[in-house]
């Protein structure tokens, strides 16, 4: 499975590692934004650090119509 696509641009702007305000010193030296293509789906991922992998996913809030 190819999780990285080298020809994709680096994410920039709000939500990217380079543009988030008030990050701790050194954060952008350790973590980077990148795109990950999985089939027809493109995800914006922040990668870096040490230790076991951690995956955080944003989703709808409880009570959103159509969500149980």
Protein backbone atom coordinates (compact mmCIF):
# COMPACT_ATOMS: atom_id res chain seq x y z
CA UNK A 1 0.00 0.00 0.00
CA UNK A 2 1.40 3.43 -0.95
CA UNK A 3 0.66 5.84 1.91
CA UNK A 4 2.68 8.77 0.61
CA UNK A 5 2.56 10.49 -2.73
CA UNK A 6 5.72 12.55 -3.30
CA UNK A 7 4.21 14.82 -5.98
CA UNK A 8 1.53 16.21 -3.64
CA UNK A 9 2.06 19.73 -2.30
CA UNK A 10 2.85 20.24 1.38
CA UNK A 11 -0.27 21.42 3.26
CA UNK A 12 -0.13 25.10 4.08
CA UNK A 13 -2.45 27.59 5.74
CA UNK A 14 -4.81 27.16 8.71
CA UNK A 15 -4.61 23.66 10.13
CA UNK A 16 -1.14 22.92 8.79
CA UNK A 17 1.75 22.57 11.22
CA UNK A 18 3.41 25.70 9.81
CA UNK A 19 0.41 27.99 10.46
CA UNK A 20 -1.04 26.89 13.82
CA UNK A 21 -0.66 29.69 16.39
CA UNK A 22 0.80 29.23 19.88
CA UNK A 23 2.62 25.93 19.30
CA UNK A 24 5.37 25.05 21.78
CA UNK A 25 8.93 25.94 20.79
CA UNK A 26 10.45 23.27 18.55
CA UNK A 27 7.10 21.76 17.50
CA UNK A 28 7.66 22.45 13.80
CA UNK A 29 11.16 20.94 14.05
CA UNK A 30 9.61 17.64 15.20
CA UNK A 31 6.26 17.48 13.37
CA UNK A 32 5.38 18.08 9.73
CA UNK A 33 2.19 18.23 7.69
CA UNK A 34 1.77 15.97 4.68
CA UNK A 35 -0.94 14.48 2.54
CA UNK A 36 -1.71 10.75 2.52
CA UNK A 37 -3.67 9.28 -0.38
CA UNK A 38 -5.67 6.14 0.36
CA UNK A 39 -7.55 5.15 -2.76
CA UNK A 40 -9.75 8.12 -3.71
CA UNK A 41 -9.44 9.69 -0.25
CA UNK A 42 -6.80 12.34 0.55
CA UNK A 43 -6.02 12.93 4.22
CA UNK A 44 -3.98 15.70 5.84
CA UNK A 45 -1.70 14.06 8.38
CA UNK A 46 0.73 15.48 10.93
CA UNK A 47 3.64 13.13 11.45
CA UNK A 48 6.67 13.06 13.73
CA UNK A 49 7.83 12.36 17.22
CA UNK A 50 8.93 9.17 18.92
CA UNK A 51 7.24 6.19 20.53
CA UNK A 52 4.14 4.18 19.65
CA UNK A 53 1.94 5.46 16.84
CA UNK A 54 -1.12 7.50 17.80
CA UNK A 55 -4.01 8.12 15.40
CA UNK A 56 -6.50 10.91 16.14
CA UNK A 57 -9.55 11.32 13.92
CA UNK A 58 -12.01 14.21 13.93
CA UNK A 59 -15.64 13.30 13.50
CA UNK A 60 -19.17 14.55 14.04
CA UNK A 61 -20.33 15.46 17.52
CA UNK A 62 -22.89 13.31 19.33
CA UNK A 63 -26.35 14.58 18.59
CA UNK A 64 -25.52 15.55 15.01
CA UNK A 65 -28.50 14.52 12.83
CA UNK A 66 -27.86 11.10 11.33
CA UNK A 67 -25.23 10.19 13.93
CA UNK A 68 -26.06 7.74 16.72
